[in-house]
């Protein structure tokens, strides 16, 4: 009979001990208890399978929070991708997005909103536009985008968050000018 693995047991014990605080932390990120629960389950599976990746002497809580945060963001992105099918072709997709007929086929926003968003997307700097295309139009996970541009995955998530805010402001400004 194999000996129990105390390192894994200790990390799992810490995870369970701080589960409530971890849940609250994740809820502040995704504001959806269903996604929080999904992320917690995936985090538990991850740390049980990859507990050896934890570097002794570092802060276990920080490692678990980082894992949980990434799992929560992945759950959000999976839900978004499931709700809206990806557009075929990157640049073609952006160009198609500017036509009223294309937006009508997809629904969701008024033609004014759609046109404003299409223009705002075209005005983004190349790297930001390409990041949006890869993630939202091609459905690539942030980990692949991070690897391609040799960035940390957290930096890609933050960049997408800033880009979404920028696009929202741009759309609101364009609509206000009309």
N, C-alpha and C. Protein backbone atom coordinates (compact mmCIF):
# COMPACT_ATOMS: atom_id res chain seq x y z
N UNK A 1 0.85 -1.18 0.00
CA UNK A 1 0.00 0.00 0.00
C UNK A 1 0.89 1.24 0.00
N UNK A 2 0.67 2.17 -0.96
CA UNK A 2 1.53 3.37 -1.03
C UNK A 2 1.30 4.27 0.19
N UNK A 3 2.36 4.93 0.57
CA UNK A 3 2.30 5.86 1.72
C UNK A 3 1.51 7.10 1.31
N UNK A 4 0.75 7.69 2.23
CA UNK A 4 0.01 8.91 1.89
C UNK A 4 0.98 10.05 1.56
N UNK A 5 0.54 10.93 0.71
CA UNK A 5 1.37 12.05 0.30
C UNK A 5 1.02 13.27 1.13
N UNK A 6 1.86 13.57 2.10
CA UNK A 6 1.56 14.63 3.06
C UNK A 6 1.57 16.02 2.44
N UNK A 7 2.39 16.25 1.42
CA UNK A 7 2.41 17.57 0.77
C UNK A 7 1.09 17.89 0.12
N UNK A 8 0.55 16.93 -0.62
CA UNK A 8 -0.74 17.13 -1.27
C UNK A 8 -1.84 17.30 -0.22
N UNK A 9 -1.80 16.48 0.81
CA UNK A 9 -2.80 16.57 1.87
C UNK A 9 -2.77 17.93 2.55
N UNK A 10 -1.59 18.47 2.76
CA UNK A 10 -1.46 19.77 3.43
C UNK A 10 -2.01 20.89 2.55
N UNK A 11 -1.70 20.87 1.27
CA UNK A 11 -2.21 21.89 0.36
C UNK A 11 -3.73 21.80 0.25
N UNK A 12 -4.26 20.59 0.16
CA UNK A 12 -5.71 20.41 0.10
C UNK A 12 -6.36 20.89 1.40
N UNK A 13 -5.72 20.62 2.53
CA UNK A 13 -6.24 21.09 3.82
C UNK A 13 -6.29 22.61 3.85
N UNK A 14 -5.25 23.27 3.37
CA UNK A 14 -5.23 24.74 3.31
C UNK A 14 -6.31 25.27 2.38
N UNK A 15 -6.49 24.60 1.25
CA UNK A 15 -7.55 24.99 0.32
C UNK A 15 -8.91 24.93 1.01
N UNK A 16 -9.19 23.82 1.65
CA UNK A 16 -10.48 23.66 2.32
C UNK A 16 -10.65 24.63 3.48
N UNK A 17 -9.58 24.89 4.19
CA UNK A 17 -9.62 25.82 5.32
C UNK A 17 -10.00 27.24 4.87
N UNK A 18 -9.54 27.63 3.70
CA UNK A 18 -9.76 28.99 3.21
C UNK A 18 -10.79 29.08 2.09
N UNK A 19 -11.58 28.04 1.92
CA UNK A 19 -12.56 27.96 0.83
C UNK A 19 -13.57 29.11 0.85
N UNK A 20 -14.05 29.47 2.02
CA UNK A 20 -15.06 30.54 2.11
C UNK A 20 -14.46 31.87 1.68
N UNK A 21 -13.27 32.18 2.17
CA UNK A 21 -12.61 33.44 1.77
C UNK A 21 -12.27 33.42 0.28
N UNK A 22 -11.86 32.26 -0.20
CA UNK A 22 -11.54 32.12 -1.62
C UNK A 22 -12.80 32.33 -2.47
N UNK A 23 -13.92 31.81 -2.00
CA UNK A 23 -15.20 32.01 -2.70
C UNK A 23 -15.54 33.50 -2.79
N UNK A 24 -15.39 34.20 -1.70
CA UNK A 24 -15.69 35.63 -1.69
C UNK A 24 -14.76 36.39 -2.65
N UNK A 25 -13.49 36.03 -2.63
CA UNK A 25 -12.51 36.64 -3.52
C UNK A 25 -12.93 36.43 -4.98
N UNK A 26 -13.30 35.20 -5.33
CA UNK A 26 -13.70 34.91 -6.71
C UNK A 26 -14.99 35.62 -7.08
N UNK A 27 -15.90 35.74 -6.13
CA UNK A 27 -17.16 36.41 -6.44
C UNK A 27 -16.92 37.88 -6.79
N UNK A 28 -15.93 38.51 -6.16
CA UNK A 28 -15.63 39.90 -6.50
C UNK A 28 -15.13 40.01 -7.94
N UNK A 29 -14.59 38.93 -8.47
CA UNK A 29 -14.09 38.95 -9.86
C UNK A 29 -15.18 38.66 -10.87
N UNK A 30 -16.02 37.65 -10.61
CA UNK A 30 -16.96 37.19 -11.64
C UNK A 30 -18.42 37.49 -11.34
N UNK A 31 -18.74 37.82 -10.09
CA UNK A 31 -20.10 38.17 -9.67
C UNK A 31 -21.14 37.14 -10.12
N UNK A 32 -20.81 35.87 -9.99
CA UNK A 32 -21.73 34.79 -10.35
C UNK A 32 -21.35 33.57 -9.52
N UNK A 33 -22.26 33.17 -8.62
CA UNK A 33 -21.94 32.06 -7.70
C UNK A 33 -21.75 30.74 -8.44
N UNK A 34 -22.45 30.55 -9.53
CA UNK A 34 -22.29 29.32 -10.31
C UNK A 34 -20.86 29.23 -10.87
N UNK A 35 -20.37 30.33 -11.39
CA UNK A 35 -19.00 30.36 -11.91
C UNK A 35 -17.98 30.21 -10.79
N UNK A 36 -18.29 30.78 -9.62
CA UNK A 36 -17.39 30.64 -8.46
C UNK A 36 -17.27 29.16 -8.09
N UNK A 37 -18.40 28.48 -8.00
CA UNK A 37 -18.37 27.06 -7.63
C UNK A 37 -17.61 26.24 -8.67
N UNK A 38 -17.83 26.53 -9.94
CA UNK A 38 -17.10 25.84 -11.01
C UNK A 38 -15.59 26.06 -10.85
N UNK A 39 -15.21 27.30 -10.60
CA UNK A 39 -13.79 27.63 -10.44
C UNK A 39 -13.20 26.93 -9.22
N UNK A 40 -13.95 26.88 -8.13
CA UNK A 40 -13.46 26.21 -6.92
C UNK A 40 -13.23 24.72 -7.17
N UNK A 41 -14.16 24.09 -7.85
CA UNK A 41 -14.00 22.67 -8.16
C UNK A 41 -12.78 22.43 -9.04
N UNK A 42 -12.63 23.27 -10.06
CA UNK A 42 -11.47 23.12 -10.95
C UNK A 42 -10.16 23.41 -10.21
N UNK A 43 -10.21 24.34 -9.28
CA UNK A 43 -9.02 24.65 -8.48
C UNK A 43 -8.63 23.46 -7.61
N UNK A 44 -9.63 22.84 -6.98
CA UNK A 44 -9.35 21.67 -6.15
C UNK A 44 -8.73 20.54 -6.98
N UNK A 45 -9.27 20.31 -8.15
CA UNK A 45 -8.72 19.27 -9.02
C UNK A 45 -7.29 19.62 -9.43
N UNK A 46 -7.09 20.88 -9.80
CA UNK A 46 -5.76 21.32 -10.23
C UNK A 46 -4.73 21.14 -9.11
N UNK A 47 -5.04 21.62 -7.91
CA UNK A 47 -4.02 21.55 -6.85
C UNK A 47 -3.78 20.11 -6.40
N UNK A 48 -4.80 19.24 -6.52
CA UNK A 48 -4.58 17.83 -6.20
C UNK A 48 -3.69 17.16 -7.23
N UNK A 49 -3.85 17.55 -8.49
CA UNK A 49 -3.04 16.96 -9.56
C UNK A 49 -1.66 17.59 -9.69
N UNK A 50 -1.56 18.87 -9.37
CA UNK A 50 -0.31 19.59 -9.63
C UNK A 50 0.32 20.14 -8.35
N UNK A 51 0.04 19.55 -7.22
CA UNK A 51 0.54 20.07 -5.95
C UNK A 51 2.05 20.14 -5.92
N UNK A 52 2.72 19.31 -6.70
CA UNK A 52 4.19 19.35 -6.73
C UNK A 52 4.72 20.63 -7.38
N UNK A 53 3.85 21.33 -8.13
CA UNK A 53 4.26 22.60 -8.75
C UNK A 53 4.40 23.71 -7.72
N UNK A 54 3.80 23.52 -6.56
CA UNK A 54 3.92 24.53 -5.51
C UNK A 54 5.35 24.53 -4.98
N UNK A 55 5.94 25.72 -4.95
CA UNK A 55 7.34 25.85 -4.48
C UNK A 55 7.36 26.00 -2.97
N UNK A 56 7.91 25.02 -2.26
CA UNK A 56 7.99 25.15 -0.79
C UNK A 56 8.72 26.43 -0.39
N UNK A 57 8.25 27.04 0.66
CA UNK A 57 8.85 28.27 1.12
C UNK A 57 8.14 29.50 0.59
N UNK A 58 7.24 29.32 -0.37
CA UNK A 58 6.46 30.44 -0.88
C UNK A 58 5.09 30.42 -0.21
N UNK A 59 4.29 31.41 -0.50
CA UNK A 59 3.00 31.55 0.15
C UNK A 59 1.95 30.68 -0.54
N UNK A 60 1.51 29.64 0.13
CA UNK A 60 0.56 28.69 -0.44
C UNK A 60 -0.76 29.36 -0.78
N UNK A 61 -1.24 30.25 0.08
CA UNK A 61 -2.50 30.94 -0.17
C UNK A 61 -2.46 31.76 -1.45
N UNK A 62 -1.35 32.41 -1.70
CA UNK A 62 -1.20 33.21 -2.92
C UNK A 62 -1.23 32.30 -4.15
N UNK A 63 -0.58 31.15 -4.06
CA UNK A 63 -0.57 30.20 -5.17
C UNK A 63 -1.98 29.70 -5.45
N UNK A 64 -2.70 29.32 -4.41
CA UNK A 64 -4.08 28.83 -4.57
C UNK A 64 -4.98 29.92 -5.13
N UNK A 65 -4.83 31.16 -4.64
CA UNK A 65 -5.64 32.27 -5.17
C UNK A 65 -5.35 32.51 -6.65
N UNK A 66 -4.09 32.43 -7.03
CA UNK A 66 -3.73 32.64 -8.44
C UNK A 66 -4.35 31.54 -9.31
N UNK A 67 -4.27 30.30 -8.84
CA UNK A 67 -4.87 29.19 -9.58
C UNK A 67 -6.37 29.40 -9.69
N UNK A 68 -7.03 29.74 -8.58
CA UNK A 68 -8.48 29.92 -8.55
C UNK A 68 -8.90 31.09 -9.45
N UNK A 69 -8.14 32.16 -9.42
CA UNK A 69 -8.45 33.33 -10.26
C UNK A 69 -8.42 32.95 -11.73
N UNK A 70 -7.41 32.22 -12.14
CA UNK A 70 -7.31 31.80 -13.54
C UNK A 70 -8.46 30.86 -13.91
N UNK A 71 -8.82 29.96 -13.01
CA UNK A 71 -9.93 29.04 -13.27
C UNK A 71 -11.25 29.81 -13.40
N UNK A 72 -11.44 30.82 -12.59
CA UNK A 72 -12.67 31.63 -12.65
C UNK A 72 -12.73 32.39 -13.97
N UNK A 73 -11.63 32.99 -14.37
CA UNK A 73 -11.61 33.73 -15.63
C UNK A 73 -11.81 32.81 -16.83
N UNK A 74 -11.24 31.61 -16.76
CA UNK A 74 -11.47 30.64 -17.83
C UNK A 74 -12.94 30.25 -17.91
N UNK A 75 -13.59 30.10 -16.76
CA UNK A 75 -15.02 29.75 -16.73
C UNK A 75 -15.85 30.86 -17.36
N UNK A 76 -15.50 32.10 -17.07
CA UNK A 76 -16.21 33.23 -17.67
C UNK A 76 -16.04 33.20 -19.19
N UNK A 77 -14.84 32.98 -19.65
CA UNK A 77 -14.58 32.98 -21.09
C UNK A 77 -15.27 31.80 -21.77
N UNK A 78 -15.31 30.64 -21.13
CA UNK A 78 -16.02 29.49 -21.70
C UNK A 78 -17.51 29.81 -21.84
N UNK A 79 -18.07 30.45 -20.83
CA UNK A 79 -19.49 30.80 -20.89
C UNK A 79 -19.75 31.78 -22.02
N UNK A 80 -18.88 32.78 -22.17
CA UNK A 80 -19.05 33.77 -23.23
C UNK A 80 -18.94 33.13 -24.60
N UNK A 81 -17.95 32.24 -24.76
CA UNK A 81 -17.78 31.57 -26.05
C UNK A 81 -18.97 30.67 -26.36
N UNK A 82 -19.53 30.03 -25.37
CA UNK A 82 -20.69 29.16 -25.58
C UNK A 82 -21.91 29.98 -25.97
N UNK A 83 -22.01 31.19 -25.45
CA UNK A 83 -23.17 32.04 -25.73
C UNK A 83 -23.09 32.69 -27.11
N UNK A 84 -21.89 32.95 -27.59
CA UNK A 84 -21.73 33.61 -28.89
C UNK A 84 -20.72 32.83 -29.72
N UNK A 85 -21.16 32.21 -30.81
CA UNK A 85 -20.21 31.45 -31.64
C UNK A 85 -19.16 32.36 -32.24
N UNK A 86 -17.93 31.87 -32.41
CA UNK A 86 -16.86 32.71 -32.97
C UNK A 86 -17.13 33.05 -34.43
N UNK A 87 -16.61 34.19 -34.84
CA UNK A 87 -16.74 34.64 -36.21
C UNK A 87 -15.65 33.97 -37.03
N UNK A 88 -15.98 33.55 -38.24
CA UNK A 88 -14.99 32.91 -39.09
C UNK A 88 -14.12 33.98 -39.74
N UNK A 89 -12.84 33.81 -39.66
CA UNK A 89 -11.90 34.75 -40.24
C UNK A 89 -11.75 35.99 -39.38
N UNK A 90 -10.53 36.34 -39.09
CA UNK A 90 -10.30 37.43 -38.15
C UNK A 90 -10.64 38.78 -38.75
N UNK A 91 -9.91 39.23 -39.75
CA UNK A 91 -10.16 40.54 -40.33
C UNK A 91 -11.50 40.56 -41.04
N UNK A 92 -11.84 39.44 -41.69
CA UNK A 92 -13.14 39.36 -42.34
C UNK A 92 -14.24 39.51 -41.30
N UNK A 93 -14.01 38.94 -40.14
CA UNK A 93 -14.99 39.04 -39.06
C UNK A 93 -15.17 40.46 -38.59
N UNK A 94 -14.07 41.18 -38.49
CA UNK A 94 -14.17 42.58 -38.07
C UNK A 94 -14.88 43.41 -39.13
N UNK A 95 -14.55 43.17 -40.38
CA UNK A 95 -15.21 43.91 -41.45
C UNK A 95 -16.69 43.55 -41.52
N UNK A 96 -17.00 42.27 -41.39
CA UNK A 96 -18.39 41.84 -41.42
C UNK A 96 -19.16 42.44 -40.26
N UNK A 97 -18.48 42.64 -39.14
CA UNK A 97 -19.14 43.19 -37.96
C UNK A 97 -19.62 44.60 -38.19
N UNK A 98 -19.04 45.28 -39.16
CA UNK A 98 -19.44 46.66 -39.40
C UNK A 98 -20.66 46.77 -40.29
N UNK A 99 -21.09 45.67 -40.89
CA UNK A 99 -22.26 45.73 -41.75
C UNK A 99 -23.52 45.48 -40.94
N UNK A 100 -24.55 46.21 -41.26
CA UNK A 100 -25.80 46.11 -40.52
C UNK A 100 -26.39 44.71 -40.63
N UNK A 101 -26.32 44.10 -41.80
CA UNK A 101 -26.90 42.77 -41.99
C UNK A 101 -26.22 41.74 -41.09
N UNK A 102 -24.90 41.78 -41.01
CA UNK A 102 -24.17 40.84 -40.18
C UNK A 102 -24.59 40.96 -38.72
N UNK A 103 -24.72 42.19 -38.24
CA UNK A 103 -25.13 42.40 -36.84
C UNK A 103 -26.56 41.93 -36.63
N UNK A 104 -27.43 42.16 -37.61
CA UNK A 104 -28.81 41.71 -37.47
C UNK A 104 -28.87 40.20 -37.34
N UNK A 105 -28.00 39.50 -38.07
CA UNK A 105 -27.98 38.04 -37.99
C UNK A 105 -27.57 37.58 -36.60
N UNK A 106 -26.67 38.29 -35.96
CA UNK A 106 -26.21 37.92 -34.63
C UNK A 106 -27.10 38.49 -33.54
N UNK A 107 -27.85 39.55 -33.81
CA UNK A 107 -28.74 40.14 -32.82
C UNK A 107 -27.99 40.99 -31.81
N UNK A 108 -28.43 41.03 -30.60
CA UNK A 108 -27.82 41.65 -29.43
C UNK A 108 -27.90 43.17 -29.36
N UNK A 109 -27.31 43.91 -30.29
CA UNK A 109 -27.24 45.36 -30.17
C UNK A 109 -27.95 46.05 -31.33
N UNK A 110 -28.25 47.31 -31.09
CA UNK A 110 -28.86 48.11 -32.16
C UNK A 110 -27.81 48.37 -33.24
N UNK A 111 -28.24 48.70 -34.45
CA UNK A 111 -27.28 49.00 -35.51
C UNK A 111 -26.32 50.14 -35.13
N UNK A 112 -26.81 51.13 -34.39
CA UNK A 112 -25.94 52.24 -33.96
C UNK A 112 -24.82 51.72 -33.06
N UNK A 113 -25.18 50.86 -32.09
CA UNK A 113 -24.17 50.29 -31.19
C UNK A 113 -23.18 49.44 -31.97
N UNK A 114 -23.70 48.68 -32.90
CA UNK A 114 -22.85 47.79 -33.68
C UNK A 114 -21.84 48.55 -34.52
N UNK A 115 -22.30 49.60 -35.17
CA UNK A 115 -21.40 50.41 -35.98
C UNK A 115 -20.35 51.10 -35.11
N UNK A 116 -20.78 51.61 -33.98
CA UNK A 116 -19.84 52.28 -33.07
C UNK A 116 -18.77 51.29 -32.59
N UNK A 117 -19.19 50.09 -32.20
CA UNK A 117 -18.23 49.09 -31.74
C UNK A 117 -17.27 48.70 -32.86
N UNK A 118 -17.79 48.52 -34.06
CA UNK A 118 -16.95 48.16 -35.19
C UNK A 118 -15.87 49.23 -35.44
N UNK A 119 -16.27 50.49 -35.41
CA UNK A 119 -15.30 51.58 -35.60
C UNK A 119 -14.28 51.62 -34.47
N UNK A 120 -14.76 51.43 -33.25
CA UNK A 120 -13.85 51.45 -32.10
C UNK A 120 -12.84 50.31 -32.18
N UNK A 121 -13.27 49.15 -32.63
CA UNK A 121 -12.35 48.02 -32.80
C UNK A 121 -11.27 48.35 -33.82
N UNK A 122 -11.66 48.97 -34.93
CA UNK A 122 -10.69 49.31 -35.97
C UNK A 122 -9.68 50.35 -35.49
N UNK A 123 -10.07 51.18 -34.51
CA UNK A 123 -9.18 52.24 -34.02
C UNK A 123 -8.18 51.75 -32.97
N UNK A 124 -8.34 50.53 -32.49
CA UNK A 124 -7.41 50.02 -31.49
C UNK A 124 -6.01 49.88 -32.08
N UNK A 125 -4.98 50.06 -31.27
CA UNK A 125 -3.62 49.77 -31.74
C UNK A 125 -3.54 48.30 -32.18
N UNK A 126 -2.64 47.99 -33.09
CA UNK A 126 -2.55 46.66 -33.69
C UNK A 126 -2.49 45.53 -32.67
N UNK A 127 -1.62 45.65 -31.66
CA UNK A 127 -1.47 44.57 -30.69
C UNK A 127 -2.76 44.37 -29.89
N UNK A 128 -3.41 45.44 -29.52
CA UNK A 128 -4.66 45.32 -28.78
C UNK A 128 -5.75 44.70 -29.65
N UNK A 129 -5.86 45.17 -30.89
CA UNK A 129 -6.86 44.62 -31.80
C UNK A 129 -6.60 43.14 -32.04
N UNK A 130 -5.35 42.79 -32.23
CA UNK A 130 -5.00 41.37 -32.47
C UNK A 130 -5.32 40.52 -31.25
N UNK A 131 -5.09 41.05 -30.06
CA UNK A 131 -5.43 40.31 -28.83
C UNK A 131 -6.93 40.07 -28.75
N UNK A 132 -7.71 41.08 -29.06
CA UNK A 132 -9.18 40.93 -29.07
C UNK A 132 -9.59 39.91 -30.13
N UNK A 133 -9.03 40.00 -31.32
CA UNK A 133 -9.36 39.07 -32.39
C UNK A 133 -9.07 37.63 -31.97
N UNK A 134 -7.87 37.43 -31.43
CA UNK A 134 -7.47 36.08 -31.05
C UNK A 134 -8.39 35.51 -29.97
N UNK A 135 -8.73 36.33 -29.00
CA UNK A 135 -9.51 35.82 -27.87
C UNK A 135 -11.00 35.71 -28.20
N UNK A 136 -11.59 36.77 -28.70
CA UNK A 136 -13.04 36.80 -28.88
C UNK A 136 -13.51 36.26 -30.23
N UNK A 137 -12.74 36.48 -31.30
CA UNK A 137 -13.16 36.03 -32.60
C UNK A 137 -12.66 34.62 -32.91
N UNK A 138 -11.45 34.31 -32.46
CA UNK A 138 -10.88 32.99 -32.73
C UNK A 138 -11.09 32.03 -31.57
N UNK A 139 -11.48 32.55 -30.41
CA UNK A 139 -11.74 31.70 -29.25
C UNK A 139 -10.49 31.13 -28.60
N UNK A 140 -9.36 31.78 -28.79
CA UNK A 140 -8.12 31.27 -28.19
C UNK A 140 -8.07 31.60 -26.71
N UNK A 141 -7.65 30.66 -25.88
CA UNK A 141 -7.54 30.95 -24.44
C UNK A 141 -6.39 31.92 -24.18
N UNK A 142 -6.50 32.61 -23.08
CA UNK A 142 -5.48 33.61 -22.73
C UNK A 142 -4.09 32.99 -22.58
N UNK A 143 -4.02 31.73 -22.17
CA UNK A 143 -2.72 31.07 -22.03
C UNK A 143 -1.99 31.00 -23.37
N UNK A 144 -2.72 30.71 -24.44
CA UNK A 144 -2.09 30.63 -25.76
C UNK A 144 -1.66 32.01 -26.26
N UNK A 145 -2.48 33.01 -25.97
CA UNK A 145 -2.12 34.38 -26.36
C UNK A 145 -0.88 34.81 -25.61
N UNK A 146 -0.85 34.51 -24.32
CA UNK A 146 0.32 34.86 -23.50
C UNK A 146 1.58 34.19 -24.03
N UNK A 147 1.47 32.92 -24.38
CA UNK A 147 2.63 32.19 -24.91
C UNK A 147 3.10 32.80 -26.23
N UNK A 148 2.15 33.16 -27.07
CA UNK A 148 2.53 33.72 -28.37
C UNK A 148 3.29 35.03 -28.23
N UNK A 149 2.85 35.89 -27.32
CA UNK A 149 3.48 37.19 -27.15
C UNK A 149 4.50 37.22 -26.01
N UNK A 150 4.79 36.05 -25.46
CA UNK A 150 5.77 35.91 -24.37
C UNK A 150 5.45 36.85 -23.21
N UNK A 151 4.18 36.76 -22.78
CA UNK A 151 3.69 37.57 -21.65
C UNK A 151 3.11 36.63 -20.61
N UNK A 152 2.94 37.12 -19.41
CA UNK A 152 2.27 36.34 -18.37
C UNK A 152 0.78 36.33 -18.69
N UNK A 153 0.13 35.23 -18.35
CA UNK A 153 -1.30 35.10 -18.63
C UNK A 153 -2.10 36.17 -17.88
N UNK A 154 -1.65 36.52 -16.68
CA UNK A 154 -2.34 37.57 -15.92
C UNK A 154 -2.30 38.89 -16.68
N UNK A 155 -1.19 39.15 -17.36
CA UNK A 155 -1.06 40.39 -18.13
C UNK A 155 -2.04 40.41 -19.30
N UNK A 156 -2.27 39.26 -19.90
CA UNK A 156 -3.24 39.18 -21.00
C UNK A 156 -4.65 39.45 -20.47
N UNK A 157 -5.00 38.85 -19.33
CA UNK A 157 -6.31 39.10 -18.74
C UNK A 157 -6.49 40.59 -18.42
N UNK A 158 -5.47 41.19 -17.84
CA UNK A 158 -5.55 42.61 -17.50
C UNK A 158 -5.67 43.46 -18.77
N UNK A 159 -4.93 43.10 -19.79
CA UNK A 159 -4.98 43.83 -21.05
C UNK A 159 -6.39 43.75 -21.65
N UNK A 160 -6.97 42.56 -21.66
CA UNK A 160 -8.33 42.41 -22.18
C UNK A 160 -9.33 43.22 -21.37
N UNK A 161 -9.13 43.25 -20.08
CA UNK A 161 -10.03 44.04 -19.22
C UNK A 161 -9.94 45.52 -19.57
N UNK A 162 -8.71 46.03 -19.74
CA UNK A 162 -8.52 47.44 -20.10
C UNK A 162 -9.11 47.73 -21.49
N UNK A 163 -8.91 46.81 -22.41
CA UNK A 163 -9.43 47.00 -23.77
C UNK A 163 -10.95 47.04 -23.75
N UNK A 164 -11.58 46.16 -22.97
CA UNK A 164 -13.05 46.18 -22.89
C UNK A 164 -13.55 47.51 -22.34
N UNK A 165 -12.87 48.03 -21.31
CA UNK A 165 -13.26 49.34 -20.76
C UNK A 165 -13.08 50.43 -21.81
N UNK A 166 -11.96 50.37 -22.54
CA UNK A 166 -11.68 51.36 -23.57
C UNK A 166 -12.75 51.30 -24.68
N UNK A 167 -13.10 50.09 -25.08
CA UNK A 167 -14.13 49.95 -26.12
C UNK A 167 -15.48 50.46 -25.62
N UNK A 168 -15.80 50.18 -24.39
CA UNK A 168 -17.07 50.65 -23.83
C UNK A 168 -17.12 52.18 -23.84
N UNK A 169 -16.03 52.81 -23.40
CA UNK A 169 -15.98 54.28 -23.40
C UNK A 169 -16.07 54.82 -24.82
N UNK A 170 -15.37 54.18 -25.73
CA UNK A 170 -15.38 54.62 -27.13
C UNK A 170 -16.79 54.55 -27.71
N UNK A 171 -17.47 53.43 -27.48
CA UNK A 171 -18.83 53.27 -27.99
C UNK A 171 -19.75 54.32 -27.39
N UNK A 172 -19.65 54.52 -26.08
CA UNK A 172 -20.50 55.52 -25.41
C UNK A 172 -20.25 56.92 -25.97
N UNK A 173 -18.99 57.27 -26.21
CA UNK A 173 -18.66 58.59 -26.77
C UNK A 173 -19.22 58.75 -28.17
N UNK A 174 -19.08 57.72 -28.99
CA UNK A 174 -19.60 57.79 -30.36
C UNK A 174 -21.12 57.95 -30.37
N UNK A 175 -21.79 57.21 -29.50
CA UNK A 175 -23.25 57.31 -29.45
C UNK A 175 -23.69 58.67 -28.93
N UNK A 176 -22.93 59.23 -27.99
CA UNK A 176 -23.27 60.54 -27.46
C UNK A 176 -23.08 61.64 -28.51
N UNK A 177 -22.14 61.45 -29.43
CA UNK A 177 -21.87 62.45 -30.46
C UNK A 177 -22.94 62.46 -31.55
N UNK A 178 -23.69 61.37 -31.66
CA UNK A 178 -24.72 61.29 -32.73
C UNK A 178 -25.94 62.11 -32.38
